[in-house]
Amino acid sequence: MGKETKIKEKKVKSDKNDFVLEIRNGFKLVDDRYNKLSSEMKNGFKLVDEKINSLSIQVDEKIDDLAIATKKGFDKTATKEDAEYLKQRFNEADSRLGSIDDRLDGIETSLIGNHRHRIEKLEIGVTELREVLSLDK
């Protein structure tokens, strides 16, 4: 085997080692990004939980206000106007609860759907990369 052939073999081995190192660095980068995404998702869910708790307290306060108004209505002789007022308040509370449900659905859809899609794309990319590199075990 000639000197030139040995030099070429060393170059190929070196290139192969550099390529493998680059791939490992790529997987580490994917893992780091996945860990960061996981952390961000946990923070996002914590924020959603806090918002839900805050909204729940507000809803409880509104329900308490409605209960007090109802008691006052029954403490006195209820008039047609009193009944209409209570109906209006109930409709407002119901409308607000519907609005809260819509907001929470939007938040959930946005957070979970977007992150799930991104994770699936990452998993597909990693699988394809492993197939291309024949690293599948």
C-alpha atoms as a PDB file:
ATOM      1  CA  MET A   1       0.000   0.000   0.000  1.00  0.00           C
ATOM      2  CA  GLY A   2       1.422   3.339  -1.007  1.00  0.00           C
ATOM      3  CA  LYS A   3       2.002   6.359   1.140  1.00  0.00           C
ATOM      4  CA  GLU A   4      -0.642   8.330  -0.758  1.00  0.00           C
ATOM      5  CA  THR A   5      -3.250   5.607  -0.137  1.00  0.00           C
ATOM      6  CA  LYS A   6      -2.489   5.600   3.587  1.00  0.00           C
ATOM      7  CA  ILE A   7      -2.856   9.379   3.724  1.00  0.00           C
ATOM      8  CA  LYS A   8      -6.215   9.139   1.946  1.00  0.00           C
ATOM      9  CA  GLU A   9      -7.381   6.425   4.374  1.00  0.00           C
ATOM     10  CA  LYS A  10      -6.396   8.594   7.357  1.00  0.00           C
ATOM     11  CA  LYS A  11      -8.279  11.526   5.797  1.00  0.00           C
ATOM     12  CA  VAL A  12     -11.409   9.369   5.294  1.00  0.00           C
ATOM     13  CA  LYS A  13     -11.213   8.100   8.887  1.00  0.00           C
ATOM     14  CA  SER A  14     -10.738  11.646  10.138  1.00  0.00           C
ATOM     15  CA  ASP A  15     -13.695  12.869   8.056  1.00  0.00           C
ATOM     16  CA  LYS A  16     -15.782   9.965   9.352  1.00  0.00           C
ATOM     17  CA  ASN A  17     -14.865  10.785  12.965  1.00  0.00           C
ATOM     18  CA  ASP A  18     -15.639  14.472  12.382  1.00  0.00           C
ATOM     19  CA  PHE A  19     -18.994  13.545  10.842  1.00  0.00           C
ATOM     20  CA  VAL A  20     -19.894  11.221  13.738  1.00  0.00           C
ATOM     21  CA  LEU A  21     -18.911  13.944  16.213  1.00  0.00           C
ATOM     22  CA  GLU A  22     -21.054  16.424  14.316  1.00  0.00           C
ATOM     23  CA  ILE A  23     -24.005  14.037  14.426  1.00  0.00           C
ATOM     24  CA  ARG A  24     -23.548  13.505  18.171  1.00  0.00           C
ATOM     25  CA  ASN A  25     -23.439  17.257  18.656  1.00  0.00           C
ATOM     26  CA  GLY A  26     -26.633  17.495  16.608  1.00  0.00           C
ATOM     27  CA  PHE A  27     -28.370  14.944  18.833  1.00  0.00           C
ATOM     28  CA  LYS A  28     -27.158  16.817  21.908  1.00  0.00           C
ATOM     29  CA  LEU A  29     -28.585  20.019  20.440  1.00  0.00           C
ATOM     30  CA  VAL A  30     -31.920  18.278  19.802  1.00  0.00           C
ATOM     31  CA  ASP A  31     -31.918  16.939  23.379  1.00  0.00           C
ATOM     32  CA  ASP A  32     -31.105  20.396  24.763  1.00  0.00           C
ATOM     33  CA  ARG A  33     -33.886  21.982  22.723  1.00  0.00           C
ATOM     34  CA  TYR A  34     -36.310  19.249  23.766  1.00  0.00           C
ATOM     35  CA  ASN A  35     -35.401  19.830  27.430  1.00  0.00           C
ATOM     36  CA  LYS A  36     -35.850  23.571  27.012  1.00  0.00           C
ATOM     37  CA  LEU A  37     -39.204  23.024  25.291  1.00  0.00           C
ATOM     38  CA  SER A  38     -40.260  20.697  28.081  1.00  0.00           C
ATOM     39  CA  SER A  39     -39.348  23.331  30.650  1.00  0.00           C
ATOM     40  CA  GLU A  40     -41.214  26.007  28.700  1.00  0.00           C
ATOM     41  CA  MET A  41     -44.275  23.766  28.467  1.00  0.00           C
ATOM     42  CA  LYS A  42     -44.210  23.178  32.240  1.00  0.00           C
ATOM     43  CA  ASN A  43     -44.007  26.925  32.799  1.00  0.00           C
ATOM     44  CA  GLY A  44     -46.848  27.440  30.333  1.00  0.00           C
ATOM     45  CA  PHE A  45     -49.027  24.875  32.085  1.00  0.00           C
ATOM     46  CA  LYS A  46     -48.195  26.468  35.442  1.00  0.00           C
ATOM     47  CA  LEU A  47     -49.255  29.851  34.052  1.00  0.00           C
ATOM     48  CA  VAL A  48     -52.490  28.352  32.711  1.00  0.00           C
ATOM     49  CA  ASP A  49     -53.169  26.751  36.108  1.00  0.00           C
ATOM     50  CA  GLU A  50     -52.616  30.088  37.842  1.00  0.00           C
ATOM     51  CA  LYS A  51     -54.957  31.835  35.396  1.00  0.00           C
ATOM     52  CA  ILE A  52     -57.597  29.136  35.863  1.00  0.00           C
ATOM     53  CA  ASN A  53     -57.339  29.478  39.650  1.00  0.00           C
ATOM     54  CA  SER A  54     -57.658  33.240  39.362  1.00  0.00           C
ATOM     55  CA  LEU A  55     -60.668  32.918  37.060  1.00  0.00           C
ATOM     56  CA  SER A  56     -62.173  30.322  39.376  1.00  0.00           C
ATOM     57  CA  ILE A  57     -61.920  32.747  42.308  1.00  0.00           C
ATOM     58  CA  GLN A  58     -63.577  35.454  40.231  1.00  0.00           C
ATOM     59  CA  VAL A  59     -66.346  33.065  39.203  1.00  0.00           C
ATOM     60  CA  ASP A  60     -66.851  32.044  42.845  1.00  0.00           C
ATOM     61  CA  GLU A  61     -67.110  35.717  43.814  1.00  0.00           C
ATOM     62  CA  LYS A  62     -69.668  36.322  41.063  1.00  0.00           C
ATOM     63  CA  ILE A  63     -71.630  33.280  42.192  1.00  0.00           C
ATOM     64  CA  ASP A  64     -71.512  34.584  45.775  1.00  0.00           C
ATOM     65  CA  ASP A  65     -72.737  37.986  44.540  1.00  0.00           C
ATOM     66  CA  LEU A  66     -75.542  36.275  42.667  1.00  0.00           C
ATOM     67  CA  ALA A  67     -76.459  34.214  45.747  1.00  0.00           C
ATOM     68  CA  ILE A  68     -76.604  37.369  47.895  1.00  0.00           C
ATOM     69  CA  ALA A  69     -78.784  39.106  45.323  1.00  0.00           C
ATOM     70  CA  THR A  70     -81.054  36.049  45.233  1.00  0.00           C
ATOM     71  CA  LYS A  71     -81.360  36.010  49.037  1.00  0.00           C
ATOM     72  CA  LYS A  72     -82.219  39.691  49.068  1.00  0.00           C
ATOM     73  CA  GLY A  73     -84.867  39.024  46.447  1.00  0.00           C
ATOM     74  CA  PHE A  74     -86.480  36.347  48.589  1.00  0.00           C
ATOM     75  CA  ASP A  75     -86.150  38.388  51.809  1.00  0.00           C
ATOM     76  CA  LYS A  76     -88.558  40.901  50.338  1.00  0.00           C
ATOM     77  CA  THR A  77     -91.587  40.342  48.248  1.00  0.00           C
ATOM     78  CA  ALA A  78     -90.201  39.727  44.797  1.00  0.00           C
ATOM     79  CA  THR A  79     -91.526  41.922  42.051  1.00  0.00           C
ATOM     80  CA  LYS A  80     -91.501  41.332  38.356  1.00  0.00           C
ATOM     81  CA  GLU A  81     -88.613  43.828  38.099  1.00  0.00           C
ATOM     82  CA  ASP A  82     -86.648  41.871  40.729  1.00  0.00           C
ATOM     83  CA  ALA A  83     -87.144  38.656  38.741  1.00  0.00           C
ATOM     84  CA  GLU A  84     -85.979  40.378  35.533  1.00  0.00           C
ATOM     85  CA  TYR A  85     -82.906  41.781  37.299  1.00  0.00           C
ATOM     86  CA  LEU A  86     -81.950  38.317  38.544  1.00  0.00           C
ATOM     87  CA  LYS A  87     -82.495  36.854  35.095  1.00  0.00           C
ATOM     88  CA  GLN A  88     -80.251  39.507  33.571  1.00  0.00           C
ATOM     89  CA  ARG A  89     -77.506  38.881  36.174  1.00  0.00           C
ATOM     90  CA  PHE A  90     -77.697  35.123  35.601  1.00  0.00           C
ATOM     91  CA  ASN A  91     -77.459  35.587  31.844  1.00  0.00           C
ATOM     92  CA  GLU A  92     -74.414  37.846  32.303  1.00  0.00           C
ATOM     93  CA  ALA A  93     -72.737  35.271  34.563  1.00  0.00           C
ATOM     94  CA  ASP A  94     -73.568  32.497  32.100  1.00  0.00           C
ATOM     95  CA  SER A  95     -72.180  34.548  29.245  1.00  0.00           C
ATOM     96  CA  ARG A  96     -68.982  35.211  31.192  1.00  0.00           C
ATOM     97  CA  LEU A  97     -68.587  31.511  31.979  1.00  0.00           C
ATOM     98  CA  GLY A  98     -69.031  30.733  28.291  1.00  0.00           C
ATOM     99  CA  SER A  99     -66.383  33.313  27.462  1.00  0.00           C
ATOM    100  CA  ILE A 100     -64.030  31.806  30.054  1.00  0.00           C
ATOM    101  CA  ASP A 101     -64.576  28.331  28.553  1.00  0.00           C
ATOM    102  CA  ASP A 102     -63.797  29.657  25.075  1.00  0.00           C
ATOM    103  CA  ARG A 103     -60.632  31.361  26.290  1.00  0.00           C
ATOM    104  CA  LEU A 104     -59.426  28.272  28.128  1.00  0.00           C
ATOM    105  CA  ASP A 105     -60.154  26.084  25.094  1.00  0.00           C
ATOM    106  CA  GLY A 106     -58.142  28.465  22.934  1.00  0.00           C
ATOM    107  CA  ILE A 107     -55.228  28.483  25.368  1.00  0.00           C
ATOM    108  CA  GLU A 108     -55.235  24.697  25.644  1.00  0.00           C
ATOM    109  CA  THR A 109     -55.501  24.203  21.902  1.00  0.00           C
ATOM    110  CA  SER A 110     -52.725  26.675  21.242  1.00  0.00           C
ATOM    111  CA  LEU A 111     -50.297  25.373  23.847  1.00  0.00           C
ATOM    112  CA  ILE A 112     -50.826  21.655  23.521  1.00  0.00           C
ATOM    113  CA  GLY A 113     -51.469  21.536  19.773  1.00  0.00           C
ATOM    114  CA  ASN A 114     -48.486  23.669  18.846  1.00  0.00           C
ATOM    115  CA  HIS A 115     -46.087  21.870  21.158  1.00  0.00           C
ATOM    116  CA  ARG A 116     -47.371  18.434  20.156  1.00  0.00           C
ATOM    117  CA  HIS A 117     -46.899  19.323  16.475  1.00  0.00           C
ATOM    118  CA  ARG A 118     -43.379  20.606  17.096  1.00  0.00           C
ATOM    119  CA  ILE A 119     -42.427  17.513  19.103  1.00  0.00           C
ATOM    120  CA  GLU A 120     -43.810  15.215  16.400  1.00  0.00           C
ATOM    121  CA  LYS A 121     -41.781  17.065  13.762  1.00  0.00           C
ATOM    122  CA  LEU A 122     -38.660  16.712  15.900  1.00  0.00           C
ATOM    123  CA  GLU A 123     -39.301  12.999  16.386  1.00  0.00           C
ATOM    124  CA  ILE A 124     -39.795  12.491  12.645  1.00  0.00           C
ATOM    125  CA  GLY A 125     -36.621  14.448  11.920  1.00  0.00           C
ATOM    126  CA  VAL A 126     -34.613  12.429  14.424  1.00  0.00           C
ATOM    127  CA  THR A 127     -36.001   9.173  13.008  1.00  0.00           C
ATOM    128  CA  GLU A 128     -35.132  10.215   9.463  1.00  0.00           C
ATOM    129  CA  LEU A 129     -31.685  11.306  10.569  1.00  0.00           C
ATOM    130  CA  ARG A 130     -31.099   7.970  12.276  1.00  0.00           C
ATOM    131  CA  GLU A 131     -32.262   6.124   9.172  1.00  0.00           C
ATOM    132  CA  VAL A 132     -29.980   8.156   6.939  1.00  0.00           C
ATOM    133  CA  LEU A 133     -27.062   7.543   9.269  1.00  0.00           C
ATOM    134  CA  SER A 134     -28.016   3.907   9.839  1.00  0.00           C
ATOM    135  CA  LEU A 135     -27.934   4.452  13.600  1.00  0.00           C
ATOM    136  CA  ASP A 136     -31.185   2.570  14.220  1.00  0.00           C
ATOM    137  CA  LYS A 137     -30.584  -0.251  16.667  1.00  0.00           C
END
